[in-house]
Amino acid sequence: IHPHVPVIQSLQPATTIGIKNNPNRRCLSELSRGTDLLADSLAFGDKRKIILEGYATSGFDVRGMVDFSSSSSSSNNNNTNRNNKLEENSPVDKSGEVHVNSSIIAFPHSCFLWRPTCAKEVTLESLAIIGLYQPSLEYLFIGCDAALPPRELNKIKRDMKERGVVVDQMDVMNAMGTFNVLNGEDRRVAVALVLSA
């Protein structure tokens, strides 16, 4: 080793370099090649998060609606038995992914069935649940493969703007992806997805 060249020391644990030992804090040094950043950020935190996995003409695949984990070991045995009892035609698979055969409104930690089946049925009244969600939202994405009527979309945007919510309409796949990314960043986001009949 040359005396004038500094030696690069190996990465040290976070506690030795002055970062408070916090179990909820992740260090960038933990990332490695092939790390799924979205899954990592969605799994991070105290509460499970909704992940919109897929979309087909039959519905949406939503992960995070069902939680099979438990805090006690005796309950884990019950959960294992319950997992093994899931039927092949059940809408819930062993990972907790649910196939929902309806339009949905998804929030960071919850997901609800939603009545609209076409763009014309998306109204300010159909989005009333958005105003009830606490803490208040920053973003609402409306995923619909057909354009919403311009007057109704403007009415929705105007009302939501007064509440501090930014509204954007986009196709279903882009709305799902945008929701997942912002939810992974712990943003206050919701998505309303229309499953066309």
N, C-alpha and C. Protein backbone atom coordinates (compact mmCIF):
# COMPACT_ATOMS: atom_id res chain seq x y z
N ILE A 1 0.84 -1.17 0.00
CA ILE A 1 0.00 0.00 0.00
C ILE A 1 0.89 1.23 0.00
N HIS A 2 0.57 2.15 -0.88
CA HIS A 2 1.32 3.38 -0.98
C HIS A 2 0.95 4.29 0.19
N PRO A 3 1.91 4.96 0.84
CA PRO A 3 1.61 5.74 2.04
C PRO A 3 0.74 6.97 1.78
N HIS A 4 0.69 7.49 0.55
CA HIS A 4 -0.09 8.69 0.27
C HIS A 4 -1.48 8.40 -0.26
N VAL A 5 -1.82 7.14 -0.47
CA VAL A 5 -3.13 6.76 -0.99
C VAL A 5 -3.99 6.29 0.18
N PRO A 6 -5.15 6.93 0.37
CA PRO A 6 -6.01 6.51 1.49
C PRO A 6 -6.57 5.11 1.26
N VAL A 7 -6.71 4.40 2.33
CA VAL A 7 -7.25 3.06 2.27
C VAL A 7 -8.77 3.15 2.42
N ILE A 8 -9.49 2.53 1.51
CA ILE A 8 -10.95 2.50 1.60
C ILE A 8 -11.32 1.35 2.51
N GLN A 9 -11.93 1.70 3.62
CA GLN A 9 -12.31 0.68 4.57
C GLN A 9 -13.65 0.08 4.17
N SER A 10 -13.88 -1.12 4.60
CA SER A 10 -15.14 -1.79 4.29
C SER A 10 -16.30 -1.09 4.98
N LEU A 11 -17.50 -1.32 4.47
CA LEU A 11 -18.69 -0.71 5.06
C LEU A 11 -18.85 -1.19 6.49
N GLN A 12 -19.17 -0.27 7.36
CA GLN A 12 -19.36 -0.59 8.76
C GLN A 12 -20.84 -0.53 9.09
N PRO A 13 -21.26 -1.22 10.14
CA PRO A 13 -22.67 -1.14 10.55
C PRO A 13 -23.06 0.31 10.83
N ALA A 14 -24.32 0.62 10.66
CA ALA A 14 -24.83 1.97 10.79
C ALA A 14 -24.54 2.56 12.17
N THR A 15 -24.52 1.72 13.21
CA THR A 15 -24.31 2.25 14.56
C THR A 15 -22.89 2.76 14.74
N THR A 16 -21.91 2.23 13.99
CA THR A 16 -20.53 2.66 14.16
C THR A 16 -20.21 3.91 13.36
N ILE A 17 -21.08 4.32 12.45
CA ILE A 17 -20.78 5.53 11.69
C ILE A 17 -21.70 6.68 12.09
N GLY A 18 -22.31 6.58 13.27
CA GLY A 18 -23.03 7.70 13.82
C GLY A 18 -24.50 7.79 13.47
N ILE A 19 -25.04 6.80 12.80
CA ILE A 19 -26.47 6.81 12.51
C ILE A 19 -27.16 6.07 13.63
N LYS A 20 -28.18 6.70 14.17
CA LYS A 20 -28.91 6.10 15.29
C LYS A 20 -29.40 4.71 14.90
N ASN A 21 -29.26 3.75 15.81
CA ASN A 21 -29.70 2.38 15.55
C ASN A 21 -31.22 2.34 15.55
N ASN A 22 -31.79 2.39 14.39
CA ASN A 22 -33.23 2.43 14.20
C ASN A 22 -33.62 1.23 13.34
N PRO A 23 -34.46 0.31 13.84
CA PRO A 23 -34.81 -0.87 13.05
C PRO A 23 -35.59 -0.54 11.79
N ASN A 24 -36.20 0.65 11.74
CA ASN A 24 -36.97 1.03 10.56
C ASN A 24 -36.13 1.76 9.52
N ARG A 25 -34.85 1.98 9.78
CA ARG A 25 -33.99 2.70 8.85
C ARG A 25 -33.18 1.69 8.03
N ARG A 26 -33.20 1.87 6.73
CA ARG A 26 -32.43 1.01 5.85
C ARG A 26 -31.22 1.77 5.34
N CYS A 27 -30.11 1.09 5.24
CA CYS A 27 -28.91 1.70 4.67
C CYS A 27 -28.82 1.31 3.21
N LEU A 28 -28.34 2.23 2.39
CA LEU A 28 -28.20 1.92 0.97
C LEU A 28 -27.21 0.79 0.74
N SER A 29 -26.29 0.59 1.68
CA SER A 29 -25.32 -0.48 1.51
C SER A 29 -25.97 -1.86 1.55
N GLU A 30 -27.24 -1.94 1.99
CA GLU A 30 -27.94 -3.22 2.03
C GLU A 30 -28.41 -3.64 0.65
N LEU A 31 -28.45 -2.71 -0.30
CA LEU A 31 -28.93 -3.04 -1.63
C LEU A 31 -27.87 -3.81 -2.39
N SER A 32 -28.31 -4.77 -3.16
CA SER A 32 -27.37 -5.55 -3.95
C SER A 32 -27.94 -5.74 -5.34
N ARG A 33 -27.15 -6.28 -6.20
CA ARG A 33 -27.59 -6.49 -7.57
C ARG A 33 -28.81 -7.41 -7.57
N GLY A 34 -29.83 -7.01 -8.32
CA GLY A 34 -31.03 -7.82 -8.41
C GLY A 34 -32.05 -7.54 -7.33
N THR A 35 -31.83 -6.52 -6.52
CA THR A 35 -32.77 -6.18 -5.45
C THR A 35 -34.02 -5.58 -6.06
N ASP A 36 -35.17 -6.03 -5.62
CA ASP A 36 -36.45 -5.48 -6.07
C ASP A 36 -36.79 -4.30 -5.17
N LEU A 37 -36.48 -3.09 -5.64
CA LEU A 37 -36.65 -1.91 -4.82
C LEU A 37 -38.11 -1.66 -4.48
N LEU A 38 -39.03 -1.90 -5.42
CA LEU A 38 -40.44 -1.67 -5.16
C LEU A 38 -40.95 -2.61 -4.08
N ALA A 39 -40.65 -3.90 -4.21
CA ALA A 39 -41.11 -4.87 -3.21
C ALA A 39 -40.49 -4.56 -1.85
N ASP A 40 -39.23 -4.16 -1.86
CA ASP A 40 -38.55 -3.82 -0.61
C ASP A 40 -39.22 -2.63 0.06
N SER A 41 -39.53 -1.59 -0.70
CA SER A 41 -40.14 -0.41 -0.10
C SER A 41 -41.58 -0.67 0.32
N LEU A 42 -42.30 -1.52 -0.40
CA LEU A 42 -43.68 -1.83 -0.03
C LEU A 42 -43.74 -2.71 1.20
N ALA A 43 -42.74 -3.54 1.42
CA ALA A 43 -42.72 -4.43 2.58
C ALA A 43 -42.20 -3.71 3.82
N PHE A 44 -41.63 -2.54 3.64
CA PHE A 44 -40.99 -1.81 4.73
C PHE A 44 -42.01 -1.01 5.52
N GLY A 45 -42.01 -1.13 6.83
CA GLY A 45 -42.93 -0.36 7.66
C GLY A 45 -43.75 -1.25 8.57
N ASP A 46 -44.55 -0.60 9.40
CA ASP A 46 -45.34 -1.32 10.39
C ASP A 46 -46.56 -2.01 9.80
N LYS A 47 -47.18 -1.40 8.79
CA LYS A 47 -48.42 -1.92 8.23
C LYS A 47 -48.17 -2.48 6.83
N ARG A 48 -48.88 -3.54 6.50
CA ARG A 48 -48.77 -4.07 5.15
C ARG A 48 -49.34 -3.06 4.17
N LYS A 49 -48.83 -3.06 2.97
CA LYS A 49 -49.29 -2.11 1.96
C LYS A 49 -50.00 -2.85 0.84
N ILE A 50 -50.91 -2.16 0.21
CA ILE A 50 -51.60 -2.70 -0.95
C ILE A 50 -50.66 -2.64 -2.15
N ILE A 51 -50.58 -3.73 -2.88
CA ILE A 51 -49.79 -3.80 -4.10
C ILE A 51 -50.72 -4.29 -5.20
N LEU A 52 -50.82 -3.53 -6.26
CA LEU A 52 -51.65 -3.92 -7.41
C LEU A 52 -50.77 -4.71 -8.36
N GLU A 53 -50.98 -6.02 -8.38
CA GLU A 53 -50.10 -6.93 -9.10
C GLU A 53 -50.44 -7.08 -10.58
N GLY A 54 -51.71 -7.18 -10.90
CA GLY A 54 -52.06 -7.46 -12.29
C GLY A 54 -53.47 -7.04 -12.64
N TYR A 55 -53.74 -7.10 -13.93
CA TYR A 55 -55.03 -6.65 -14.44
C TYR A 55 -55.39 -7.51 -15.64
N ALA A 56 -56.62 -7.98 -15.66
CA ALA A 56 -57.15 -8.74 -16.78
C ALA A 56 -58.60 -8.35 -16.97
N THR A 57 -59.23 -8.82 -18.02
CA THR A 57 -60.63 -8.47 -18.25
C THR A 57 -61.53 -9.01 -17.14
N SER A 58 -61.04 -10.00 -16.39
CA SER A 58 -61.83 -10.58 -15.29
C SER A 58 -61.66 -9.83 -13.97
N GLY A 59 -60.66 -8.96 -13.86
CA GLY A 59 -60.48 -8.23 -12.61
C GLY A 59 -59.04 -7.86 -12.33
N PHE A 60 -58.79 -7.52 -11.06
CA PHE A 60 -57.49 -7.04 -10.60
C PHE A 60 -56.90 -8.00 -9.59
N ASP A 61 -55.58 -8.20 -9.65
CA ASP A 61 -54.87 -8.98 -8.64
C ASP A 61 -54.30 -8.00 -7.63
N VAL A 62 -54.74 -8.15 -6.38
CA VAL A 62 -54.35 -7.22 -5.33
C VAL A 62 -53.65 -8.01 -4.23
N ARG A 63 -52.44 -7.59 -3.89
CA ARG A 63 -51.70 -8.21 -2.79
C ARG A 63 -51.75 -7.27 -1.59
N GLY A 64 -51.86 -7.84 -0.42
CA GLY A 64 -51.86 -7.05 0.81
C GLY A 64 -53.24 -6.90 1.44
N MET A 65 -54.26 -7.45 0.81
CA MET A 65 -55.61 -7.37 1.38
C MET A 65 -55.79 -8.39 2.49
N VAL A 66 -55.09 -9.52 2.39
CA VAL A 66 -55.21 -10.60 3.36
C VAL A 66 -53.85 -10.79 3.98
N ASP A 67 -53.81 -10.85 5.30
CA ASP A 67 -52.55 -11.00 6.02
C ASP A 67 -52.59 -12.31 6.79
N PHE A 68 -51.74 -13.25 6.41
CA PHE A 68 -51.70 -14.54 7.09
C PHE A 68 -50.69 -14.57 8.23
N SER A 69 -49.91 -13.50 8.40
CA SER A 69 -48.90 -13.51 9.46
C SER A 69 -49.56 -13.28 10.80
N SER A 70 -48.86 -13.70 11.86
CA SER A 70 -49.39 -13.54 13.21
C SER A 70 -48.24 -13.31 14.16
N SER A 71 -48.52 -12.70 15.28
CA SER A 71 -47.45 -12.38 16.23
C SER A 71 -47.09 -13.55 17.14
N SER A 72 -47.98 -14.49 17.36
CA SER A 72 -47.67 -15.61 18.27
C SER A 72 -47.39 -16.87 17.48
N SER A 73 -46.53 -17.72 18.02
CA SER A 73 -46.16 -18.94 17.31
C SER A 73 -47.31 -19.93 17.25
N SER A 74 -48.20 -19.93 18.26
CA SER A 74 -49.34 -20.86 18.22
C SER A 74 -50.28 -20.47 17.10
N SER A 75 -50.40 -19.18 16.85
CA SER A 75 -51.26 -18.75 15.75
C SER A 75 -50.64 -19.09 14.41
N ASN A 76 -49.30 -19.16 14.37
CA ASN A 76 -48.65 -19.51 13.10
C ASN A 76 -49.05 -20.90 12.64
N ASN A 77 -49.22 -21.82 13.59
CA ASN A 77 -49.66 -23.15 13.21
C ASN A 77 -51.06 -23.10 12.62
N ASN A 78 -51.95 -22.29 13.21
CA ASN A 78 -53.30 -22.12 12.67
C ASN A 78 -53.25 -21.51 11.28
N ASN A 79 -52.36 -20.52 11.09
CA ASN A 79 -52.24 -19.87 9.79
C ASN A 79 -51.73 -20.85 8.74
N THR A 80 -50.78 -21.70 9.13
CA THR A 80 -50.27 -22.69 8.20
C THR A 80 -51.39 -23.63 7.78
N ASN A 81 -52.18 -24.07 8.77
CA ASN A 81 -53.31 -24.94 8.44
C ASN A 81 -54.30 -24.24 7.54
N ARG A 82 -54.56 -22.95 7.81
CA ARG A 82 -55.50 -22.19 6.99
C ARG A 82 -54.96 -22.04 5.57
N ASN A 83 -53.64 -21.78 5.46
CA ASN A 83 -53.04 -21.66 4.13
C ASN A 83 -53.19 -22.95 3.34
N ASN A 84 -52.96 -24.06 4.01
CA ASN A 84 -53.05 -25.34 3.33
C ASN A 84 -54.48 -25.68 2.94
N LYS A 85 -55.47 -25.10 3.62
CA LYS A 85 -56.86 -25.39 3.34
C LYS A 85 -57.44 -24.54 2.21
N LEU A 86 -56.67 -23.57 1.71
CA LEU A 86 -57.18 -22.74 0.62
C LEU A 86 -57.48 -23.63 -0.58
N GLU A 87 -58.66 -23.46 -1.13
CA GLU A 87 -59.06 -24.27 -2.27
C GLU A 87 -58.41 -23.75 -3.54
N GLU A 88 -58.32 -24.61 -4.53
CA GLU A 88 -57.72 -24.22 -5.80
C GLU A 88 -58.48 -23.09 -6.47
N ASN A 89 -59.81 -23.07 -6.36
CA ASN A 89 -60.60 -22.04 -7.02
C ASN A 89 -60.85 -20.83 -6.12
N SER A 90 -60.17 -20.76 -4.98
CA SER A 90 -60.32 -19.63 -4.07
C SER A 90 -59.74 -18.37 -4.71
N PRO A 91 -60.34 -17.20 -4.46
CA PRO A 91 -59.78 -15.97 -5.00
C PRO A 91 -58.52 -15.52 -4.27
N VAL A 92 -58.17 -16.20 -3.15
CA VAL A 92 -56.99 -15.85 -2.38
C VAL A 92 -55.94 -16.94 -2.55
N ASP A 93 -54.71 -16.56 -2.95
CA ASP A 93 -53.66 -17.56 -3.01
C ASP A 93 -52.85 -17.50 -1.72
N LYS A 94 -51.87 -18.38 -1.59
CA LYS A 94 -51.12 -18.51 -0.33
C LYS A 94 -50.30 -17.27 0.00
N SER A 95 -50.00 -16.44 -0.99
CA SER A 95 -49.23 -15.23 -0.73
C SER A 95 -50.11 -14.08 -0.27
N GLY A 96 -51.42 -14.28 -0.25
CA GLY A 96 -52.33 -13.22 0.15
C GLY A 96 -52.81 -12.37 -1.00
N GLU A 97 -52.54 -12.81 -2.21
CA GLU A 97 -53.01 -12.08 -3.39
C GLU A 97 -54.46 -12.47 -3.67
N VAL A 98 -55.29 -11.47 -3.89
CA VAL A 98 -56.71 -11.68 -4.14
C VAL A 98 -57.04 -11.21 -5.55
N HIS A 99 -57.82 -12.01 -6.27
CA HIS A 99 -58.31 -11.58 -7.58
C HIS A 99 -59.69 -10.98 -7.36
N VAL A 100 -59.82 -9.68 -7.64
CA VAL A 100 -61.06 -8.94 -7.40
C VAL A 100 -61.79 -8.75 -8.72
N ASN A 101 -63.01 -9.25 -8.82
CA ASN A 101 -63.79 -9.19 -10.06
C ASN A 101 -64.69 -7.96 -10.07
N SER A 102 -64.13 -6.81 -9.81
CA SER A 102 -64.92 -5.58 -9.75
C SER A 102 -63.98 -4.39 -9.88
N SER A 103 -64.56 -3.24 -10.15
CA SER A 103 -63.80 -2.00 -10.05
C SER A 103 -63.41 -1.83 -8.59
N ILE A 104 -62.28 -1.15 -8.35
CA ILE A 104 -61.79 -0.98 -6.98
C ILE A 104 -61.29 0.44 -6.74
N ILE A 105 -61.27 0.82 -5.48
CA ILE A 105 -60.56 2.01 -5.03
C ILE A 105 -59.54 1.51 -4.01
N ALA A 106 -58.26 1.80 -4.27
CA ALA A 106 -57.19 1.34 -3.39
C ALA A 106 -56.53 2.53 -2.71
N PHE A 107 -56.28 2.36 -1.42
CA PHE A 107 -55.56 3.32 -0.60
C PHE A 107 -54.26 2.65 -0.18
N PRO A 108 -53.34 3.35 0.48
CA PRO A 108 -52.06 2.73 0.84
C PRO A 108 -52.18 1.41 1.61
N HIS A 109 -53.18 1.29 2.52
CA HIS A 109 -53.28 0.10 3.35
C HIS A 109 -54.63 -0.60 3.27
N SER A 110 -55.46 -0.20 2.33
CA SER A 110 -56.78 -0.81 2.21
C SER A 110 -57.28 -0.72 0.77
N CYS A 111 -58.25 -1.57 0.47
CA CYS A 111 -58.80 -1.63 -0.88
C CYS A 111 -60.29 -1.95 -0.78
N PHE A 112 -61.10 -1.27 -1.59
CA PHE A 112 -62.54 -1.43 -1.52
C PHE A 112 -63.13 -1.68 -2.90
N LEU A 113 -64.23 -2.43 -2.93
CA LEU A 113 -64.97 -2.61 -4.17
C LEU A 113 -65.61 -1.27 -4.53
N TRP A 114 -65.77 -1.05 -5.84
CA TRP A 114 -66.29 0.24 -6.31
C TRP A 114 -67.29 -0.05 -7.41
N ARG A 115 -68.40 0.63 -7.44
CA ARG A 115 -69.51 0.32 -8.32
C ARG A 115 -69.31 0.61 -9.81
N PRO A 116 -68.67 1.71 -10.24
CA PRO A 116 -68.63 2.05 -11.67
C PRO A 116 -68.11 0.92 -12.57
N THR A 117 -68.75 0.78 -13.74
CA THR A 117 -68.33 -0.22 -14.72
C THR A 117 -67.96 0.41 -16.06
N CYS A 118 -68.07 1.74 -16.15
CA CYS A 118 -67.67 2.45 -17.37
C CYS A 118 -67.31 3.88 -17.00
N ALA A 119 -66.70 4.59 -17.94
CA ALA A 119 -66.22 5.95 -17.69
C ALA A 119 -67.36 6.89 -17.30
N LYS A 120 -68.52 6.71 -17.89
CA LYS A 120 -69.65 7.61 -17.60
C LYS A 120 -70.12 7.52 -16.15
N GLU A 121 -69.86 6.39 -15.50
CA GLU A 121 -70.31 6.19 -14.12
C GLU A 121 -69.33 6.74 -13.09
N VAL A 122 -68.16 7.21 -13.53
CA VAL A 122 -67.20 7.80 -12.61
C VAL A 122 -67.62 9.25 -12.38
N THR A 123 -68.12 9.53 -11.18
CA THR A 123 -68.61 10.86 -10.84
C THR A 123 -68.01 11.29 -9.51
N LEU A 124 -68.21 12.55 -9.20
CA LEU A 124 -67.76 13.06 -7.91
C LEU A 124 -68.45 12.30 -6.78
N GLU A 125 -69.71 11.96 -6.97
CA GLU A 125 -70.45 11.21 -5.95
C GLU A 125 -69.88 9.80 -5.78
N SER A 126 -69.48 9.17 -6.88
CA SER A 126 -68.93 7.82 -6.77
C SER A 126 -67.56 7.81 -6.08
N LEU A 127 -66.92 8.97 -6.03
CA LEU A 127 -65.60 9.10 -5.39
C LEU A 127 -65.71 9.69 -3.98
N ALA A 128 -66.90 9.69 -3.39
CA ALA A 128 -67.12 10.31 -2.08
C ALA A 128 -66.22 9.72 -1.00
N ILE A 129 -65.85 8.46 -1.11
CA ILE A 129 -65.00 7.82 -0.10
C ILE A 129 -63.64 8.51 0.01
N ILE A 130 -63.19 9.15 -1.06
CA ILE A 130 -61.90 9.84 -1.05
C ILE A 130 -61.90 10.92 0.04
N GLY A 131 -63.01 11.63 0.20
CA GLY A 131 -63.10 12.68 1.21
C GLY A 131 -63.12 12.15 2.64
N LEU A 132 -63.45 10.88 2.80
CA LEU A 132 -63.52 10.28 4.14
C LEU A 132 -62.19 9.73 4.61
N TYR A 133 -61.27 9.48 3.68
CA TYR A 133 -60.00 8.85 4.03
C TYR A 133 -59.15 9.79 4.88
N GLN A 134 -58.59 9.27 5.95
CA GLN A 134 -57.69 10.03 6.81
C GLN A 134 -56.39 9.27 6.97
N PRO A 135 -55.25 9.89 6.91
CA PRO A 135 -55.03 11.30 6.64
C PRO A 135 -55.39 11.64 5.20
N SER A 136 -55.65 12.91 4.95
CA SER A 136 -56.10 13.31 3.62
C SER A 136 -55.06 12.95 2.57
N LEU A 137 -55.54 12.73 1.37
CA LEU A 137 -54.68 12.28 0.27
C LEU A 137 -53.96 13.43 -0.41
N GLU A 138 -52.86 13.08 -1.08
CA GLU A 138 -52.14 14.01 -1.93
C GLU A 138 -52.53 13.81 -3.39
N TYR A 139 -52.69 12.53 -3.77
CA TYR A 139 -52.93 12.20 -5.17
C TYR A 139 -54.07 11.20 -5.31
N LEU A 140 -54.84 11.37 -6.37
CA LEU A 140 -55.85 10.39 -6.76
C LEU A 140 -55.68 10.14 -8.25
N PHE A 141 -55.48 8.89 -8.60
CA PHE A 141 -55.38 8.51 -10.01
C PHE A 141 -56.63 7.72 -10.38
N ILE A 142 -57.22 8.09 -11.48
CA ILE A 142 -58.40 7.39 -11.97
C ILE A 142 -57.95 6.58 -13.17
N GLY A 143 -57.99 5.26 -13.03
CA GLY A 143 -57.58 4.36 -14.10
C GLY A 143 -58.77 3.85 -14.86
N CYS A 144 -58.87 4.28 -16.11
CA CYS A 144 -59.98 3.87 -16.97
C CYS A 144 -59.47 3.86 -18.40
N ASP A 145 -59.74 2.79 -19.11
CA ASP A 145 -59.23 2.71 -20.48
C ASP A 145 -60.01 3.56 -21.47
N ALA A 146 -61.13 4.11 -21.04
CA ALA A 146 -61.90 5.06 -21.86
C ALA A 146 -61.83 6.43 -21.19
N ALA A 147 -61.92 7.48 -21.98
CA ALA A 147 -61.85 8.83 -21.43
C ALA A 147 -63.10 9.15 -20.62
N LEU A 148 -62.90 9.79 -19.47
CA LEU A 148 -64.04 10.27 -18.67
C LEU A 148 -64.66 11.46 -19.38
N PRO A 149 -65.97 11.67 -19.21
CA PRO A 149 -66.59 12.86 -19.79
C PRO A 149 -65.88 14.11 -19.27
N PRO A 150 -65.46 15.02 -20.16
CA PRO A 150 -64.66 16.18 -19.74
C PRO A 150 -65.30 17.03 -18.64
N ARG A 151 -66.60 17.27 -18.71
CA ARG A 151 -67.26 18.08 -17.67
C ARG A 151 -67.16 17.42 -16.30
N GLU A 152 -67.39 16.11 -16.26
CA GLU A 152 -67.34 15.41 -14.97
C GLU A 152 -65.90 15.37 -14.44
N LEU A 153 -64.94 15.12 -15.33
CA LEU A 153 -63.54 15.10 -14.90
C LEU A 153 -63.13 16.47 -14.35
N ASN A 154 -63.53 17.54 -15.02
CA ASN A 154 -63.21 18.89 -14.53
C ASN A 154 -63.87 19.16 -13.18
N LYS A 155 -65.10 18.69 -13.01
CA LYS A 155 -65.82 18.85 -11.74
C LYS A 155 -65.08 18.11 -10.62
N ILE A 156 -64.62 16.88 -10.92
CA ILE A 156 -63.86 16.09 -9.95
C ILE A 156 -62.57 16.80 -9.59
N LYS A 157 -61.84 17.26 -10.61
CA LYS A 157 -60.56 17.93 -10.37
C LYS A 157 -60.73 19.20 -9.54
N ARG A 158 -61.75 19.97 -9.85
CA ARG A 158 -62.01 21.22 -9.13
C ARG A 158 -62.31 20.94 -7.64
N ASP A 159 -63.20 19.98 -7.39
CA ASP A 159 -63.56 19.65 -6.02
C ASP A 159 -62.37 19.09 -5.24
N MET A 160 -61.64 18.21 -5.85
CA MET A 160 -60.49 17.60 -5.17
C MET A 160 -59.37 18.62 -4.94
N LYS A 161 -59.22 19.56 -5.86
CA LYS A 161 -58.19 20.59 -5.70
C LYS A 161 -58.47 21.41 -4.45
N GLU A 162 -59.75 21.69 -4.16
CA GLU A 162 -60.13 22.41 -2.95
C GLU A 162 -59.75 21.63 -1.69
N ARG A 163 -59.67 20.32 -1.80
CA ARG A 163 -59.28 19.46 -0.67
C ARG A 163 -57.77 19.22 -0.64
N GLY A 164 -57.06 19.76 -1.62
CA GLY A 164 -55.61 19.57 -1.69
C GLY A 164 -55.18 18.28 -2.36
N VAL A 165 -56.08 17.68 -3.15
CA VAL A 165 -55.79 16.40 -3.81
C VAL A 165 -55.58 16.66 -5.32
N VAL A 166 -54.48 16.19 -5.84
CA VAL A 166 -54.20 16.28 -7.27
C VAL A 166 -54.83 15.07 -7.94
N VAL A 167 -55.62 15.29 -8.99
CA VAL A 167 -56.32 14.22 -9.69
C VAL A 167 -55.77 14.10 -11.11
N ASP A 168 -55.55 12.87 -11.54
CA ASP A 168 -55.13 12.63 -12.91
C ASP A 168 -55.80 11.36 -13.41
N GLN A 169 -56.29 11.42 -14.64
CA GLN A 169 -56.86 10.22 -15.25
C GLN A 169 -55.85 9.63 -16.22
N MET A 170 -55.74 8.33 -16.22
CA MET A 170 -54.82 7.62 -17.12
C MET A 170 -55.38 6.22 -17.36
N ASP A 171 -54.73 5.48 -18.26
CA ASP A 171 -55.20 4.12 -18.50
C ASP A 171 -54.93 3.26 -17.26
N VAL A 172 -55.58 2.13 -17.20
CA VAL A 172 -55.56 1.30 -16.00
C VAL A 172 -54.15 0.85 -15.62
N MET A 173 -53.37 0.36 -16.56
CA MET A 173 -52.04 -0.15 -16.23
C MET A 173 -51.13 0.95 -15.69
N ASN A 174 -51.16 2.13 -16.30
CA ASN A 174 -50.33 3.23 -15.81
C ASN A 174 -50.79 3.71 -14.44
N ALA A 175 -52.09 3.72 -14.20
CA ALA A 175 -52.61 4.12 -12.89
C ALA A 175 -52.14 3.14 -11.81
N MET A 176 -52.17 1.84 -12.13
CA MET A 176 -51.72 0.83 -11.17
C MET A 176 -50.24 1.00 -10.84
N GLY A 177 -49.43 1.17 -11.87
CA GLY A 177 -47.99 1.33 -11.67
C GLY A 177 -47.64 2.58 -10.89
N THR A 178 -48.30 3.68 -11.22
CA THR A 178 -48.04 4.94 -10.53
C THR A 178 -48.43 4.84 -9.06
N PHE A 179 -49.57 4.20 -8.80
CA PHE A 179 -50.01 3.97 -7.41
C PHE A 179 -48.96 3.15 -6.66
N ASN A 180 -48.49 2.06 -7.25
CA ASN A 180 -47.51 1.20 -6.57
C ASN A 180 -46.23 1.96 -6.22
N VAL A 181 -45.74 2.75 -7.16
CA VAL A 181 -44.49 3.49 -6.92
C VAL A 181 -44.68 4.52 -5.82
N LEU A 182 -45.74 5.33 -5.91
CA LEU A 182 -45.96 6.36 -4.90
C LEU A 182 -46.30 5.75 -3.54
N ASN A 183 -47.02 4.64 -3.53
CA ASN A 183 -47.30 3.95 -2.27
C ASN A 183 -46.01 3.43 -1.67
N GLY A 184 -45.11 2.95 -2.50
CA GLY A 184 -43.81 2.49 -2.03
C GLY A 184 -42.98 3.62 -1.42
N GLU A 185 -43.24 4.85 -1.86
CA GLU A 185 -42.56 6.02 -1.32
C GLU A 185 -43.29 6.62 -0.12
N ASP A 186 -44.31 5.91 0.38
CA ASP A 186 -45.11 6.35 1.52
C ASP A 186 -45.85 7.66 1.26
N ARG A 187 -46.28 7.87 0.03
CA ARG A 187 -47.09 9.04 -0.29
C ARG A 187 -48.55 8.72 0.03
N ARG A 188 -49.33 9.75 0.29
CA ARG A 188 -50.75 9.59 0.56
C ARG A 188 -51.47 9.55 -0.79
N VAL A 189 -51.65 8.36 -1.31
CA VAL A 189 -52.13 8.18 -2.67
C VAL A 189 -53.31 7.22 -2.71
N ALA A 190 -54.19 7.42 -3.68
CA ALA A 190 -55.30 6.48 -3.91
C ALA A 190 -55.42 6.31 -5.41
N VAL A 191 -56.02 5.17 -5.79
CA VAL A 191 -56.29 4.92 -7.20
C VAL A 191 -57.69 4.33 -7.32
N ALA A 192 -58.43 4.84 -8.27
CA ALA A 192 -59.76 4.31 -8.57
C ALA A 192 -59.65 3.64 -9.94
N LEU A 193 -59.88 2.33 -9.98
CA LEU A 193 -59.71 1.55 -11.21
C LEU A 193 -61.05 1.03 -11.68
N VAL A 194 -61.36 1.34 -12.94
CA VAL A 194 -62.63 0.93 -13.51
C VAL A 194 -62.42 -0.36 -14.29
N LEU A 195 -63.14 -1.40 -13.90
CA LEU A 195 -63.15 -2.66 -14.64
C LEU A 195 -64.34 -2.61 -15.58
N SER A 196 -64.06 -2.43 -16.84
CA SER A 196 -65.15 -2.31 -17.82
C SER A 196 -65.92 -3.60 -17.94
N ALA A 197 -67.25 -3.48 -18.04
CA ALA A 197 -68.11 -4.66 -18.13
C ALA A 197 -68.02 -5.30 -19.50
